[in-house]
Amino acid sequence: MKFNAKQLQQMSNTVRATALGAVLSAHSGHIGIVLDASEIITSIYANHLRRGIDRFVLSAGHGSAMLYAVLKLAGYKIGDLNTFRKYGGLPGHPEYGIDGVDATTGPLGQGVGNAVGLALSQKIRGIRARTYCLCSDGDLMEGVSFESLSFAGRYNLNNLIVVWDDNKLSIDGAAQTDIDICARMRSMGFNVMAVRGNDIDALEHALDRAEKSSYPVFIQCKNVLGRASSLENKSSAHGFALSDTEMLNLISKNTNADGLRLWDVVKRRPIAESVRAINAMQRIKIPKTPERISSRELSGIYLDLLMKADTDLIIGSADLSRNTNVRTTNAKEISANKFNGNFINYGVREHAMAAIMNGMAVDGLRSVGSTFLAFSDYMRPSIRIAALSHLPVIYVFSHDSIAVGEDGPTHQPIEQLPSLRLIPNLNVYRPCNMTEIAYAWNSAIKNTDEPSAIILSRQKFKQIPSPTDADLSRGAYVIVPAKSGHTRTTIIATGSEIPLAVEIASRFKNVQVVSMVNVKDFKKQDAKYKSSLLRGCVIAIEAATPGAWFEFADAVIGIDHFGASGNGDTLYKEYGFDADKIINEIKCYIK
């Protein structure tokens, strides 16, 4: 059954009253969007969204009270609305994991990218489902939104319906959006419609048309921020800016028994079950490799074996698949109206790629995205959201140091590797050989609760084999023991610096080398294991900002300035990554 305009208005008023009650209880939150957009979200949930099939993303995450109100009224199990914005209760912005919340939003623009990812996943999975996204003026000022929307247009995601709450205001006053958003959306391949946000008949007609569209849809809802309050059409209505008395009056005015009764009808609707089977991961024999090879090549070899074994991954790249070695021989490219593949060319859209991957992960796909490590900075907000949301996406970041060489400092990461290690829940692997590559990929795929980043070199380097009894799951292990059997000095290294550390250790009898492929996993180990590895004087070597290594090391060889254009081997030596130079520099430590 579909509700008529009169019923939807009663239901919208109930949403408005319920949401305002939560904000008043918290004495914190955002009222402007509750007052102007409740009709929009009510129409979507009451007449259009099929629970268990379709998806909804509130990209304007500051409207969380409104979303929680709808979810509560529609029968989702989200707990007590009086806990809104209180410790242990409903968070100030929506977080994935709450029943009915399909994306962690609040940082504006993220939800738009997530919605594109959800719609893309629905296409890849071959299910007849739709994704609705409610966005604000603020969302449409963030670049990630248009990166994502242009991707949606190129891939003709006609199951995507984006609704714009166009009230022309943001916190600082007039919204600084494009002069003609609708023209821009048309240029990106969207079917564009325009209605008044409180005209329920027109909104219903637009949503009905949208669901039959052959193109992705963008609906402009011309609205009034803080409608029917003393702050109507003022930017100050954005936050918690009304008196308690006015809030109580608005709650009373919008409360109605008919609205509650009608929402009870929605509660009783059947819920469709959507199940996606994940292929079991097969055991892959670690292949032999050349004596000198880059870790990006190693990763490509192993990924190719994974894909040949039907590992359930959707690979993608921000226009660098040949450089990051993620386009395997088994790659089948996904394109507009042809979604039965396993490889996505995101174009030069790093931030959109990461946001879209988050949406795909929510929908059950195991997504992999790749680019150069220096460009991970473009993706960082979405990486952070993936970690916060416990989404098991996988990032492949190649060209990991000054050894990138001739492209120069713009492409040579310095601070990116240690900064990624600072993000909670993110697993960062920097492998040095095929054994560690296999460990990184297998761990990332098996981890269904956290994102992972695999950091790879552009340059070839000597392969140092891992001992057959090495326990890589602990994050660090002795890759080369001291020759004398009595260790007085430990050198920690990762990735392409392992051969350098081994060369230095070879000049002494009592120096061992520890490969710390995953710092996060090593930190989880007990004190006994840590002390068994970090023996004597500890020196860390890594071609990145050195500061974080002092947690484990007495001395660090790193780089805390930008690189230069030139041959990679030359730069390594010029900037101190040379065995003779390091021995001279730390000879007071090594005995």
Protein backbone atom coordinates (compact mmCIF):
# COMPACT_ATOMS: atom_id res chain seq x y z
CA MET A 1 0.00 0.00 0.00
CA LYS A 2 1.12 3.54 -0.78
CA PHE A 3 0.26 6.43 1.49
CA ASN A 4 -1.40 9.54 0.05
CA ALA A 5 -0.16 13.10 0.48
CA LYS A 6 -2.31 13.78 3.53
CA GLN A 7 -1.07 10.66 5.28
CA LEU A 8 2.54 11.38 4.36
CA GLN A 9 2.21 14.85 5.85
CA GLN A 10 0.94 13.38 9.12
CA MET A 11 3.81 10.89 9.10
CA SER A 12 6.32 13.67 8.31
CA ASN A 13 5.05 15.70 11.24
CA THR A 14 5.53 12.68 13.49
CA VAL A 15 9.12 12.33 12.25
CA ARG A 16 9.68 16.03 12.90
CA ALA A 17 8.28 15.87 16.44
CA THR A 18 10.23 12.70 17.27
CA ALA A 19 13.52 14.09 15.95
CA LEU A 20 13.08 17.44 17.73
CA GLY A 21 12.40 15.53 20.94
CA ALA A 22 15.74 13.74 20.61
CA VAL A 23 17.57 17.02 19.96
CA LEU A 24 15.87 18.68 22.92
CA SER A 25 16.77 15.74 25.16
CA ALA A 26 20.41 16.09 24.14
CA HIS A 27 20.34 19.91 24.16
CA SER A 28 22.59 19.44 21.14
CA GLY A 29 22.15 18.67 17.47
CA HIS A 30 20.82 20.13 14.25
CA ILE A 31 17.25 21.31 13.85
CA GLY A 32 17.26 23.12 10.51
CA ILE A 33 17.28 19.97 8.37
CA VAL A 34 14.69 18.31 10.63
CA LEU A 35 12.29 21.20 10.03
CA ASP A 36 12.78 21.37 6.27
CA ALA A 37 13.48 17.80 5.08
CA SER A 38 11.22 15.49 7.07
CA GLU A 39 8.79 15.23 4.14
CA ILE A 40 11.62 13.99 1.90
CA ILE A 41 12.85 11.22 4.17
CA THR A 42 9.29 10.21 5.06
CA SER A 43 8.27 9.79 1.42
CA ILE A 44 11.32 7.65 0.73
CA TYR A 45 10.85 5.33 3.73
CA ALA A 46 7.05 5.17 3.71
CA ASN A 47 6.35 4.74 -0.01
CA HIS A 48 9.53 3.75 -1.83
CA LEU A 49 12.31 2.04 0.10
CA ARG A 50 11.96 -1.75 0.24
CA ARG A 51 13.49 -2.83 3.51
CA GLY A 52 16.18 -5.47 3.03
CA ILE A 53 16.50 -4.66 -0.69
CA ASP A 54 17.02 -0.93 -1.19
CA ARG A 55 19.54 1.32 0.55
CA PHE A 56 19.34 4.83 2.00
CA VAL A 57 22.28 7.11 2.77
CA LEU A 58 21.92 10.36 4.68
CA SER A 59 24.96 12.14 3.30
CA ALA A 60 23.86 15.22 5.26
CA GLY A 61 24.82 13.35 8.40
CA HIS A 62 24.13 16.32 10.66
CA GLY A 63 20.46 15.36 10.18
CA SER A 64 21.03 12.19 12.21
CA ALA A 65 18.15 12.91 14.61
CA MET A 66 15.78 12.88 11.65
CA LEU A 67 17.22 9.57 10.38
CA TYR A 68 17.06 7.98 13.83
CA ALA A 69 13.45 9.15 14.19
CA VAL A 70 12.44 7.52 10.88
CA LEU A 71 14.27 4.31 11.73
CA LYS A 72 12.65 4.14 15.15
CA LEU A 73 9.18 4.79 13.74
CA ALA A 74 9.71 2.25 10.94
CA GLY A 75 10.61 -0.50 13.39
CA TYR A 76 14.39 -0.67 13.21
CA LYS A 77 16.12 -1.69 16.44
CA ILE A 78 18.14 1.40 17.24
CA GLY A 79 17.51 1.86 20.96
CA ASP A 80 16.26 4.83 22.96
CA LEU A 81 16.20 8.18 21.13
CA ASN A 82 16.72 9.91 24.50
CA THR A 83 20.31 8.61 24.41
CA PHE A 84 21.01 10.77 21.33
CA ARG A 85 24.43 12.44 21.59
CA LYS A 86 24.99 11.00 25.06
CA TYR A 87 27.85 8.71 26.05
CA GLY A 88 27.04 5.13 25.13
CA GLY A 89 23.94 6.16 23.17
CA LEU A 90 23.11 7.13 19.60
CA PRO A 91 26.06 9.04 18.11
CA GLY A 92 25.88 12.65 16.96
CA HIS A 93 26.33 11.61 13.32
CA PRO A 94 25.13 8.32 11.81
CA GLU A 95 27.50 5.38 12.15
CA TYR A 96 27.41 2.18 10.16
CA GLY A 97 26.50 -0.72 12.45
CA ILE A 98 23.37 0.90 13.86
CA ASP A 99 20.37 -1.02 12.55
CA GLY A 100 19.26 0.66 9.32
CA VAL A 101 22.26 2.99 8.99
CA ASP A 102 23.95 2.14 5.69
CA ALA A 103 26.88 4.54 5.93
CA THR A 104 28.93 6.48 8.46
CA THR A 105 28.34 10.09 7.45
CA GLY A 106 28.91 13.58 8.76
CA PRO A 107 32.10 14.60 6.95
CA LEU A 108 30.24 16.13 4.05
CA GLY A 109 30.43 14.46 0.66
CA GLN A 110 31.32 11.03 2.05
CA GLY A 111 27.75 9.77 1.93
CA VAL A 112 27.38 10.70 -1.73
CA GLY A 113 30.41 8.55 -2.55
CA ASN A 114 29.11 5.74 -0.34
CA ALA A 115 25.75 5.85 -2.11
CA VAL A 116 27.46 5.55 -5.49
CA GLY A 117 29.36 2.53 -4.14
CA LEU A 118 26.16 0.91 -2.90
CA ALA A 119 24.45 1.46 -6.25
CA LEU A 120 27.49 0.10 -8.09
CA SER A 121 27.55 -2.98 -5.86
CA GLN A 122 23.86 -3.62 -6.53
CA LYS A 123 24.64 -3.58 -10.25
CA ILE A 124 27.65 -5.89 -9.86
CA ARG A 125 25.60 -8.30 -7.76
CA GLY A 126 22.88 -8.26 -10.37
CA ILE A 127 20.04 -7.44 -8.00
CA ARG A 128 17.11 -5.16 -8.76
CA ALA A 129 17.63 -2.68 -5.98
CA ARG A 130 17.88 1.08 -5.60
CA THR A 131 20.02 3.41 -3.52
CA TYR A 132 18.55 6.68 -2.26
CA CYS A 133 20.80 9.47 -1.05
CA LEU A 134 19.72 12.67 0.71
CA CYS A 135 22.39 15.33 0.41
CA SER A 136 22.73 18.97 1.43
CA ASP A 137 24.22 22.14 -0.02
CA GLY A 138 27.33 21.39 2.03
CA ASP A 139 27.72 17.96 0.43
CA LEU A 140 27.64 19.57 -2.99
CA MET A 141 30.48 21.90 -2.12
CA GLU A 142 32.83 19.00 -1.39
CA GLY A 143 34.88 17.76 -4.33
CA VAL A 144 34.44 14.09 -3.46
CA SER A 145 30.72 14.41 -4.23
CA PHE A 146 31.30 15.42 -7.82
CA GLU A 147 34.14 12.93 -8.29
CA SER A 148 31.65 10.26 -7.25
CA LEU A 149 28.66 11.62 -9.16
CA SER A 150 30.62 11.95 -12.39
CA PHE A 151 31.67 8.31 -11.93
CA ALA A 152 28.00 7.36 -11.44
CA GLY A 153 27.10 9.19 -14.64
CA ARG A 154 29.83 7.51 -16.69
CA TYR A 155 28.75 4.10 -15.38
CA ASN A 156 25.06 4.97 -15.86
CA LEU A 157 23.98 3.88 -12.39
CA ASN A 158 20.27 4.28 -13.05
CA ASN A 159 19.48 2.66 -9.69
CA LEU A 160 20.90 5.73 -7.91
CA ILE A 161 18.49 8.47 -6.78
CA VAL A 162 20.12 11.54 -5.23
CA VAL A 163 17.82 14.04 -3.51
CA TRP A 164 19.20 17.51 -2.82
CA ASP A 165 17.84 19.43 0.16
CA ASP A 166 18.37 22.80 -1.51
CA ASN A 167 17.84 25.47 1.15
CA LYS A 168 20.66 27.69 -0.15
CA LEU A 169 22.20 28.13 3.32
CA SER A 170 25.18 26.73 5.19
CA ILE A 171 26.73 27.58 8.56
CA ASP A 172 28.45 30.76 7.40
CA GLY A 173 25.50 32.10 5.39
CA ALA A 174 24.68 31.76 1.70
CA ALA A 175 25.71 28.33 0.39
CA GLN A 176 28.71 28.65 -1.92
CA THR A 177 27.53 25.96 -4.32
CA ASP A 178 27.87 26.08 -8.11
CA ILE A 179 25.77 28.74 -9.76
CA ASP A 180 23.81 26.04 -11.59
CA ILE A 181 24.06 22.64 -9.87
CA CYS A 182 21.32 21.15 -12.05
CA ALA A 183 23.15 22.01 -15.26
CA ARG A 184 26.25 20.35 -13.87
CA MET A 185 24.30 17.24 -12.99
CA ARG A 186 22.81 17.06 -16.47
CA SER A 187 26.30 17.35 -17.93
CA MET A 188 27.34 14.33 -15.89
CA GLY A 189 24.57 12.15 -17.28
CA PHE A 190 21.85 12.52 -14.64
CA ASN A 191 18.13 12.80 -15.20
CA VAL A 192 17.38 16.02 -13.29
CA MET A 193 14.06 16.99 -11.70
CA ALA A 194 13.02 19.90 -9.48
CA VAL A 195 10.24 20.16 -6.87
CA ARG A 196 9.44 22.10 -3.72
CA GLY A 197 10.62 20.14 -0.71
CA ASN A 198 7.29 20.37 1.12
CA ASP A 199 5.14 19.59 -1.94
CA ILE A 200 4.53 15.93 -1.19
CA ASP A 201 2.49 15.25 -4.33
CA ALA A 202 5.25 16.64 -6.54
CA LEU A 203 7.92 14.79 -4.57
CA GLU A 204 6.03 11.51 -4.90
CA HIS A 205 5.64 12.03 -8.63
CA ALA A 206 9.38 12.73 -8.96
CA LEU A 207 10.33 9.61 -6.98
CA ASP A 208 7.97 7.47 -9.05
CA ARG A 209 9.57 8.77 -12.24
CA ALA A 210 13.05 8.31 -10.79
CA GLU A 211 12.45 4.62 -10.16
CA LYS A 212 11.68 4.11 -13.86
CA SER A 213 14.57 6.24 -15.16
CA SER A 214 17.15 4.88 -17.60
CA TYR A 215 19.75 7.19 -16.04
CA PRO A 216 20.85 8.09 -12.53
CA VAL A 217 18.49 10.65 -11.03
CA PHE A 218 19.07 13.96 -9.25
CA ILE A 219 16.05 15.61 -7.60
CA GLN A 220 16.37 19.23 -6.53
CA CYS A 221 14.09 19.86 -3.53
CA LYS A 222 13.81 23.61 -3.09
CA ASN A 223 13.51 24.06 0.64
CA VAL A 224 13.50 26.54 3.52
CA LEU A 225 15.95 25.90 6.36
CA GLY A 226 14.24 25.90 9.74
CA ARG A 227 10.77 26.09 8.18
CA ALA A 228 7.96 27.29 10.52
CA SER A 229 10.36 28.38 13.28
CA SER A 230 11.48 31.83 14.44
CA LEU A 231 14.76 31.22 12.54
CA GLU A 232 13.14 30.27 9.25
CA ASN A 233 15.46 30.88 6.30
CA LYS A 234 18.37 31.89 8.55
CA SER A 235 21.70 30.09 8.64
CA SER A 236 21.60 30.06 12.46
CA ALA A 237 18.77 27.50 12.21
CA HIS A 238 21.37 24.89 11.20
CA GLY A 239 22.31 23.95 14.79
CA PHE A 240 20.60 23.84 18.18
CA ALA A 241 19.52 27.48 18.20
CA LEU A 242 15.90 27.58 19.41
CA SER A 243 14.75 28.06 22.98
CA ASP A 244 13.39 25.10 24.90
CA THR A 245 9.97 26.74 24.89
CA GLU A 246 9.89 27.05 21.10
CA MET A 247 11.18 23.51 20.71
CA LEU A 248 8.38 22.20 22.95
CA ASN A 249 5.83 24.19 20.97
CA LEU A 250 7.13 22.74 17.68
CA ILE A 251 7.06 19.22 19.12
CA SER A 252 3.48 19.72 20.31
CA LYS A 253 2.40 21.23 16.98
CA ASN A 254 3.79 18.28 14.99
CA THR A 255 2.76 15.45 17.29
CA ASN A 256 -0.26 13.54 15.99
CA ALA A 257 -1.78 10.14 16.71
CA ASP A 258 -2.59 9.49 13.06
CA GLY A 259 1.06 9.80 12.11
CA LEU A 260 2.09 7.24 14.73
CA ARG A 261 -0.64 4.86 13.60
CA LEU A 262 0.46 5.12 9.98
CA TRP A 263 4.10 4.43 10.89
CA ASP A 264 2.88 1.28 12.64
CA VAL A 265 1.74 0.10 9.20
CA VAL A 266 5.31 0.52 7.93
CA LYS A 267 6.61 -1.42 10.95
CA ARG A 268 4.48 -4.42 10.02
CA ARG A 269 5.77 -4.70 6.46
CA PRO A 270 7.78 -7.87 5.68
CA ILE A 271 11.56 -7.55 5.50
CA ALA A 272 13.35 -9.10 2.55
CA GLU A 273 16.50 -11.05 3.30
CA SER A 274 19.51 -10.26 1.15
CA VAL A 275 22.27 -12.85 1.32
CA ARG A 276 25.59 -12.76 -0.51
CA ALA A 277 27.80 -15.84 -0.52
CA ILE A 278 31.53 -15.19 -0.20
CA ASN A 279 33.83 -17.68 -1.90
CA ALA A 280 36.06 -19.63 0.45
CA MET A 281 39.71 -18.61 0.12
CA GLN A 282 41.89 -21.31 -1.37
CA ARG A 283 45.39 -22.08 -0.20
CA ILE A 284 47.91 -20.81 -2.76
CA LYS A 285 51.44 -22.12 -3.02
CA ILE A 286 53.98 -19.32 -2.74
CA PRO A 287 55.77 -19.08 -6.10
CA LYS A 288 59.50 -18.72 -6.62
CA THR A 289 60.69 -15.25 -7.58
CA PRO A 290 63.78 -13.63 -9.17
CA GLU A 291 66.65 -12.55 -6.94
CA ARG A 292 65.83 -8.90 -7.60
CA ILE A 293 62.23 -7.78 -8.05
CA SER A 294 59.98 -4.95 -6.87
CA SER A 295 57.33 -5.65 -4.28
CA ARG A 296 54.66 -4.23 -6.63
CA GLU A 297 55.62 -6.99 -9.08
CA LEU A 298 55.49 -9.58 -6.29
CA SER A 299 52.04 -8.32 -5.32
CA GLY A 300 50.85 -8.51 -8.92
CA ILE A 301 52.05 -12.11 -9.24
CA TYR A 302 50.29 -13.18 -6.06
CA LEU A 303 47.11 -11.24 -6.85
CA ASP A 304 46.96 -12.95 -10.23
CA LEU A 305 47.07 -16.34 -8.46
CA LEU A 306 44.33 -15.19 -6.08
CA MET A 307 42.08 -14.15 -8.94
CA LYS A 308 42.72 -17.39 -10.85
CA ALA A 309 41.61 -19.20 -7.68
CA ASP A 310 38.27 -17.33 -7.88
CA THR A 311 38.96 -15.19 -4.85
CA ASP A 312 35.94 -12.93 -4.43
CA LEU A 313 37.57 -9.54 -5.02
CA ILE A 314 36.53 -6.49 -7.05
CA ILE A 315 39.79 -4.79 -8.01
CA GLY A 316 40.11 -1.14 -9.01
CA SER A 317 42.59 1.60 -9.69
CA ALA A 318 42.64 5.38 -9.95
CA ASP A 319 44.05 5.24 -13.50
CA LEU A 320 47.28 3.48 -12.44
CA SER A 321 46.55 -0.24 -12.71
CA ARG A 322 49.62 -0.99 -14.86
CA ASN A 323 51.83 0.84 -12.35
CA THR A 324 50.37 -0.73 -9.24
CA ASN A 325 50.16 -4.18 -10.89
CA VAL A 326 46.55 -4.82 -9.89
CA ARG A 327 45.18 -5.49 -13.39
CA THR A 328 45.71 -9.24 -13.53
CA THR A 329 45.45 -11.60 -16.49
CA ASN A 330 42.06 -12.57 -15.09
CA ALA A 331 40.76 -8.99 -15.11
CA LYS A 332 37.36 -8.42 -16.66
CA GLU A 333 36.54 -4.72 -16.79
CA ILE A 334 33.25 -3.38 -15.49
CA SER A 335 31.68 -0.68 -17.66
CA ALA A 336 28.39 1.15 -18.10
CA ASN A 337 25.56 -1.35 -18.52
CA LYS A 338 28.06 -4.25 -18.29
CA PHE A 339 28.67 -5.06 -14.66
CA ASN A 340 29.57 -8.74 -14.68
CA GLY A 341 33.29 -8.14 -14.23
CA ASN A 342 35.89 -7.83 -11.50
CA PHE A 343 37.91 -4.72 -12.42
CA ILE A 344 36.95 -1.03 -12.15
CA ASN A 345 38.75 1.87 -13.78
CA TYR A 346 37.87 4.73 -11.43
CA GLY A 347 39.71 7.30 -13.51
CA VAL A 348 41.80 9.89 -11.69
CA ARG A 349 39.42 9.96 -8.73
CA GLU A 350 41.34 8.75 -5.66
CA HIS A 351 38.95 10.19 -3.08
CA ALA A 352 35.84 8.99 -4.89
CA MET A 353 37.43 5.57 -5.31
CA ALA A 354 37.89 5.22 -1.56
CA ALA A 355 34.39 6.49 -0.74
CA ILE A 356 32.83 4.22 -3.38
CA MET A 357 34.79 1.25 -2.01
CA ASN A 358 33.25 1.92 1.41
CA GLY A 359 29.77 1.70 -0.07
CA MET A 360 30.63 -1.50 -1.89
CA ALA A 361 31.97 -3.01 1.34
CA VAL A 362 28.72 -2.19 3.17
CA ASP A 363 26.85 -4.08 0.44
CA GLY A 364 29.04 -7.17 0.89
CA LEU A 365 31.67 -6.87 -1.84
CA ARG A 366 35.40 -7.21 -1.09
CA SER A 367 36.79 -4.14 -2.83
CA VAL A 368 40.42 -3.36 -3.62
CA GLY A 369 41.63 0.07 -4.78
CA SER A 370 45.08 1.16 -5.84
CA THR A 371 47.18 4.24 -6.49
CA PHE A 372 50.60 5.67 -5.55
CA LEU A 373 51.32 6.01 -1.82
CA ALA A 374 51.85 9.78 -2.14
CA PHE A 375 48.27 10.10 -3.39
CA SER A 376 46.80 8.26 -0.42
CA ASP A 377 46.46 11.76 1.05
CA TYR A 378 43.64 12.41 -1.43
CA MET A 379 41.86 9.35 0.01
CA ARG A 380 42.53 9.86 3.70
CA PRO A 381 39.06 11.03 4.85
CA SER A 382 37.49 7.93 3.32
CA ILE A 383 40.22 5.67 4.69
CA ARG A 384 39.50 7.07 8.14
CA ILE A 385 35.76 6.41 7.72
CA ALA A 386 36.50 2.83 6.60
CA ALA A 387 38.55 2.29 9.75
CA LEU A 388 35.88 3.89 11.96
CA SER A 389 33.18 1.78 10.30
CA HIS A 390 35.17 -1.49 10.41
CA LEU A 391 34.89 -1.97 6.65
CA PRO A 392 37.26 -4.62 5.20
CA VAL A 393 38.41 -2.69 2.14
CA ILE A 394 41.94 -3.20 0.81
CA TYR A 395 44.24 -0.45 -0.47
CA VAL A 396 47.28 -1.16 -2.64
CA PHE A 397 49.75 1.71 -2.47
CA SER A 398 52.86 1.42 -4.63
CA HIS A 399 55.82 3.78 -5.28
CA ASP A 400 56.46 3.90 -1.55
CA SER A 401 59.62 6.01 -1.07
CA ILE A 402 62.21 8.39 -2.50
CA ALA A 403 63.33 5.46 -4.66
CA VAL A 404 60.45 6.44 -6.98
CA GLY A 405 63.28 8.47 -8.49
CA GLU A 406 62.96 10.74 -11.48
CA ASP A 407 59.35 11.80 -10.93
CA GLY A 408 60.62 13.82 -8.02
CA PRO A 409 59.32 14.88 -4.59
CA THR A 410 55.71 15.35 -5.71
CA HIS A 411 55.51 11.58 -6.15
CA GLN A 412 57.89 10.52 -3.37
CA PRO A 413 56.05 9.81 -0.10
CA ILE A 414 57.80 10.83 3.10
CA GLU A 415 55.17 11.13 5.83
CA GLN A 416 52.38 8.98 4.37
CA LEU A 417 53.51 5.57 5.61
CA PRO A 418 53.85 6.48 9.32
CA SER A 419 50.70 8.60 9.16
CA LEU A 420 48.66 5.65 7.87
CA ARG A 421 49.95 3.59 10.79
CA LEU A 422 48.42 6.18 13.14
CA ILE A 423 44.85 5.44 11.97
CA PRO A 424 43.09 3.13 14.47
CA ASN A 425 41.83 -0.20 13.05
CA LEU A 426 43.86 0.16 9.82
CA ASN A 427 46.29 -2.69 9.10
CA VAL A 428 49.37 -1.43 7.27
CA TYR A 429 51.66 -4.00 5.65
CA ARG A 430 55.05 -3.20 4.08
CA PRO A 431 56.30 -6.53 2.74
CA CYS A 432 59.85 -7.33 1.64
CA ASN A 433 59.47 -10.70 -0.12
CA MET A 434 56.88 -13.07 -1.56
CA THR A 435 56.28 -14.76 1.79
CA GLU A 436 55.36 -11.41 3.32
CA ILE A 437 53.30 -10.48 0.24
CA ALA A 438 51.26 -13.65 0.67
CA TYR A 439 50.86 -12.95 4.39
CA ALA A 440 49.68 -9.38 3.68
CA TRP A 441 47.14 -10.39 1.02
CA ASN A 442 45.85 -13.42 2.91
CA SER A 443 45.51 -11.46 6.16
CA ALA A 444 43.75 -8.58 4.43
CA ILE A 445 41.27 -10.90 2.71
CA LYS A 446 40.55 -12.95 5.83
CA ASN A 447 40.00 -9.82 7.93
CA THR A 448 36.29 -9.04 7.69
CA ASP A 449 36.31 -6.31 10.33
CA GLU A 450 39.10 -3.88 9.40
CA PRO A 451 40.60 -2.18 6.34
CA SER A 452 44.12 -2.98 5.17
CA ALA A 453 46.80 -1.12 3.22
CA ILE A 454 49.57 -2.97 1.37
CA ILE A 455 52.60 -0.74 0.75
CA LEU A 456 54.79 -1.61 -2.24
CA SER A 457 57.97 -0.46 -3.95
CA ARG A 458 58.46 0.75 -7.48
CA GLN A 459 62.13 -0.25 -7.55
CA LYS A 460 63.52 -3.76 -7.69
CA PHE A 461 65.55 -4.92 -4.71
CA LYS A 462 67.34 -8.02 -3.49
CA GLN A 463 65.09 -10.70 -2.05
CA ILE A 464 65.91 -11.85 1.48
CA PRO A 465 63.97 -15.05 2.25
CA SER A 466 61.95 -15.45 5.43
CA PRO A 467 62.88 -18.40 7.68
CA THR A 468 60.52 -21.33 7.17
CA ASP A 469 59.47 -21.19 10.84
CA ALA A 470 58.81 -17.42 10.90
CA ASP A 471 55.49 -16.46 12.50
CA LEU A 472 54.43 -13.49 10.41
CA SER A 473 51.08 -13.22 12.20
CA ARG A 474 52.93 -11.54 15.08
CA GLY A 475 53.75 -8.59 12.82
CA ALA A 476 57.52 -8.88 13.24
CA TYR A 477 60.09 -11.66 13.30
CA VAL A 478 63.83 -12.24 12.98
CA ILE A 479 64.49 -12.50 9.28
CA VAL A 480 68.29 -12.79 9.68
CA PRO A 481 69.75 -13.86 13.05
CA ALA A 482 73.10 -12.69 14.42
CA LYS A 483 75.97 -14.80 13.09
CA SER A 484 77.43 -15.40 16.56
CA GLY A 485 74.14 -16.55 18.04
CA HIS A 486 74.53 -13.82 20.67
CA THR A 487 72.64 -10.67 19.76
CA ARG A 488 73.82 -7.31 21.07
CA THR A 489 72.18 -5.12 18.43
CA THR A 490 68.87 -5.37 16.55
CA ILE A 491 68.12 -3.60 13.28
CA ILE A 492 64.41 -3.18 12.49
CA ALA A 493 63.53 -2.60 8.85
CA THR A 494 60.59 -2.99 6.47
CA GLY A 495 60.04 -3.54 2.77
CA SER A 496 62.82 -2.45 0.46
CA GLU A 497 65.09 -1.43 3.35
CA ILE A 498 65.45 -5.07 4.48
CA PRO A 499 68.38 -5.81 2.11
CA LEU A 500 70.17 -2.69 3.37
CA ALA A 501 69.68 -3.78 6.99
CA VAL A 502 70.95 -7.26 6.15
CA GLU A 503 74.05 -5.84 4.45
CA ILE A 504 74.85 -3.76 7.54
CA ALA A 505 74.31 -6.72 9.86
CA SER A 506 76.59 -8.89 7.72
CA ARG A 507 79.54 -6.71 8.72
CA PHE A 508 79.12 -7.77 12.36
CA LYS A 509 78.83 -11.02 14.29
CA ASN A 510 76.23 -10.02 16.86
CA VAL A 511 73.66 -7.98 14.89
CA GLN A 512 70.27 -9.42 13.93
CA VAL A 513 67.66 -8.06 11.53
CA VAL A 514 63.96 -7.92 12.37
CA SER A 515 61.39 -7.46 9.62
CA MET A 516 58.39 -5.57 11.01
CA VAL A 517 55.89 -6.10 8.23
CA ASN A 518 52.90 -4.96 10.34
CA VAL A 519 53.57 -2.59 13.25
CA LYS A 520 49.98 -2.84 14.53
CA ASP A 521 50.18 -6.62 14.89
CA PHE A 522 53.53 -6.38 16.65
CA LYS A 523 52.13 -3.91 19.16
CA LYS A 524 49.51 -6.51 20.15
CA GLN A 525 52.18 -9.00 21.26
CA ASP A 526 53.06 -9.59 24.89
CA ALA A 527 56.14 -8.13 26.52
CA LYS A 528 57.98 -11.47 26.39
CA TYR A 529 57.73 -11.72 22.62
CA LYS A 530 58.63 -8.08 22.10
CA SER A 531 61.73 -8.36 24.28
CA SER A 532 62.75 -11.57 22.49
CA LEU A 533 62.96 -9.58 19.24
CA LEU A 534 64.12 -6.15 20.38
CA ARG A 535 67.39 -7.27 21.87
CA GLY A 536 70.29 -5.04 22.82
CA CYS A 537 70.57 -1.67 21.14
CA VAL A 538 67.74 -1.26 18.63
CA ILE A 539 68.12 0.69 15.37
CA ALA A 540 65.29 1.25 12.89
CA ILE A 541 65.78 1.87 9.16
CA GLU A 542 62.90 3.02 6.95
CA ALA A 543 62.70 5.48 4.07
CA ALA A 544 60.02 7.60 5.74
CA THR A 545 59.55 10.12 8.54
CA PRO A 546 61.45 8.60 11.49
CA GLY A 547 59.61 9.84 14.60
CA ALA A 548 57.25 6.93 15.28
CA TRP A 549 60.06 4.37 15.35
CA PHE A 550 61.41 5.75 18.62
CA GLU A 551 58.66 3.74 20.33
CA PHE A 552 60.89 0.71 19.72
CA ALA A 553 64.30 2.02 18.71
CA ASP A 554 67.25 3.81 20.29
CA ALA A 555 68.27 5.27 16.94
CA VAL A 556 66.45 5.73 13.62
CA ILE A 557 67.65 6.15 10.06
CA GLY A 558 64.85 7.81 8.12
CA ILE A 559 64.09 10.88 6.05
CA ASP A 560 62.33 13.97 7.38
CA HIS A 561 62.57 16.21 4.31
CA PHE A 562 61.28 16.04 0.75
CA GLY A 563 63.17 14.14 -1.92
CA ALA A 564 64.40 15.24 -5.34
CA SER A 565 64.33 14.23 -8.99
CA GLY A 566 67.00 11.72 -9.92
CA ASN A 567 67.84 8.06 -10.13
CA GLY A 568 66.35 6.12 -7.22
CA ASP A 569 69.58 4.40 -6.23
CA THR A 570 71.39 7.73 -6.30
CA LEU A 571 68.77 9.36 -4.07
CA TYR A 572 68.96 6.51 -1.57
CA LYS A 573 72.69 7.04 -1.17
CA GLU A 574 72.48 10.83 -1.19
CA TYR A 575 69.92 10.78 1.59
CA GLY A 576 71.80 8.36 3.81
CA PHE A 577 70.42 4.94 2.88
CA ASP A 578 73.88 3.50 2.27
CA ALA A 579 75.51 0.74 4.33
CA ASP A 580 78.86 2.50 4.80
CA LYS A 581 77.25 5.81 5.77
CA ILE A 582 74.88 4.17 8.23
CA ILE A 583 77.64 2.12 9.84
CA ASN A 584 79.71 5.26 10.35
CA GLU A 585 76.71 7.10 11.74
CA ILE A 586 75.69 4.43 14.24
CA LYS A 587 79.01 2.72 14.99
CA CYS A 588 78.70 3.85 18.60
CA TYR A 589 75.58 1.67 18.84
CA ILE A 590 76.72 -1.39 16.89
CA LYS A 591 79.31 -3.48 18.68
